[in-house]
Amino acid sequence: MPSPNNRHFLVHVSIFRAETTKSLSLMPSLDSTFEGKTSFGMSVFNLGNAIMGSGILGLAYAMANAGVVTFLVLLTVVAVLSSYSIHLLLKSSGIVGIRAYEQLGYRAFGTPGKMAAGIAITLQNIGAMSSYLYIVKYEFPLVIQAFLKVDKPMGEWYLNGNYLVVIVSIAVILPLALMKQLGYLGYTSGFSLSCMVFFLISVIYKKFNLPCPFTDFSFNVTAHSPIVNMTDLGGQEDDACVPKMANLNSQTAYTIPILAFAFVCHPEVLPIYTELRKYKKMQHVANISIAVMYIMYFLAALFGYLTFYGEVEAELLHTYSRIDPYDTLILCVRVAVLTAVTLTVPIVLFPVRRAIQQMMFPNKTFNWPRHIAIAFVLLTLINLLVIFAPNILGIFGIIGATSAPCLIFIFPAIFYIRIVPKEEEPLRSPQKILAACFAGLGFLFMIMSLSFIIIDWTSGTSKASSAH
């Protein structure tokens, strides 16, 4: 079965995951009245759902190129840094009593700060939505093709990814995006997270049901029978089936940006904080959510890697298709992942619309025509990008490599330095020095991510050319 540009595709999807904005399941609209109504447990669920994204599909590939121990160390560091970043946001927000990212920027640096935060959120989320719809465009036709056992597509409209993206956008995404409050999408958000849990369970199950080395095969359309490649078969343990604890190769560098954005949930933190009100509670919510996702990420990466070892591909589900493209369980998992990313798009659209309203209509109350018009224009624009610009992921990769570090590292740190009074914490206090170092780390991540993407463009050594 054909597949999209695997490694290049996944790095960009990971950079944009809700990747960054994966589920703002409690982000209120401008006139929200939900304040103080959410329980601790529901907040943990929602923030966990915000962290979880389709980037989980690439973690096994990241482990294969870094080694089990190296991957675990990097994952731990990123989780700790993410928790610290949330601490900075909550501290700044608690001091000034502001629970919106854009307004926090306004308080710190005036209109430029507000515009910078709004633009970063807008670009990041548009990139995320485009990445998710690219998954629909490329994967949905393959799933239908596998279910219908269509060996050689003859141009059927229902196997055309462009048509399917438009249909899904009109039938599913647009109606959900037109809801007044994002809180109403809590059920779809929960179902989306359940789909990713199903993915994890399936990966663990498959580890104990597939041999190593696995038997690769191509499908003979004429005979309708599998042609098994026997070169991988053997009666003794293969060196290729021994896990590496540490690894260093040309692809190891891609582990860093994939993991750096694995815990992105920062635009969601303040709205959930609004509903809990108490800083200490919100920090506990963040710590528990990050811990749960940390465990899920590690298990998905570990069992995916221990199933295929060095043969694992950048998109884990493609590797299973090399064994049996018509495997019923894997087909169900692919449907679940498609469902998850589809239900994420309307959730990601809400903060974009909110940022646009904050920048263009800051003093306007809720208005249905404007609410609907912004959603329709955004969704139309994103569909056009996905349909007519096949290489647009490269452009959004650049945008994501700049906006994501700003939202995760740079803005929380500089807002903290600017907002916390000097009387409480002098500029040379350990807390502010640490925050400044954190902002510097964000710039480092930005430079590294941009470098990896540019190198991938110019090197001509991408695995995509030979990927399944």
Foldseek 3Di string as FASTA:
>chain_A
DDFFLFPLLLLLLLLLWCLFAQFLLAFWFPPDPLFQPDDLVLLLLRLLLSLDTLLLLQLLVLCLAFALQRLLVLLVVLLVLLLVLLVLVLVLCVQVVDLAQLVLLCVQPNPVRSLLLLVLLQLSLLSNLLSLLLLQLGPVLLLVCLVVVPPDDPPDPSSGSLNRSVCLCVPPQLVLLLDNTSNVLSVLSSLLVVLVVLVLVVLLVVLVVADPVGWFWDADPVVRDTDTDCPRDDDDDDPQLDGGRGHHDPCNLSSNSSSNSSRNNQSSLSSSCSNNVDSVSSSVSSSSSSVVVSVSSSSSNVSLCNRHNNPATSRRLVSVVRRPVNPPSSSSSSVSSSSSSSSSSSSSVVSSLSSCCCNPVVPDDDDSVSSSVSSVVSSVVSSCCSPPPVPCSLVSLLSSLPSSLCSRFQVSLSSSLRRPDCVVPNCPRPVNVVSVVSNVVSVVSSVSSVVVSVCCVPVPPRCSVVGD
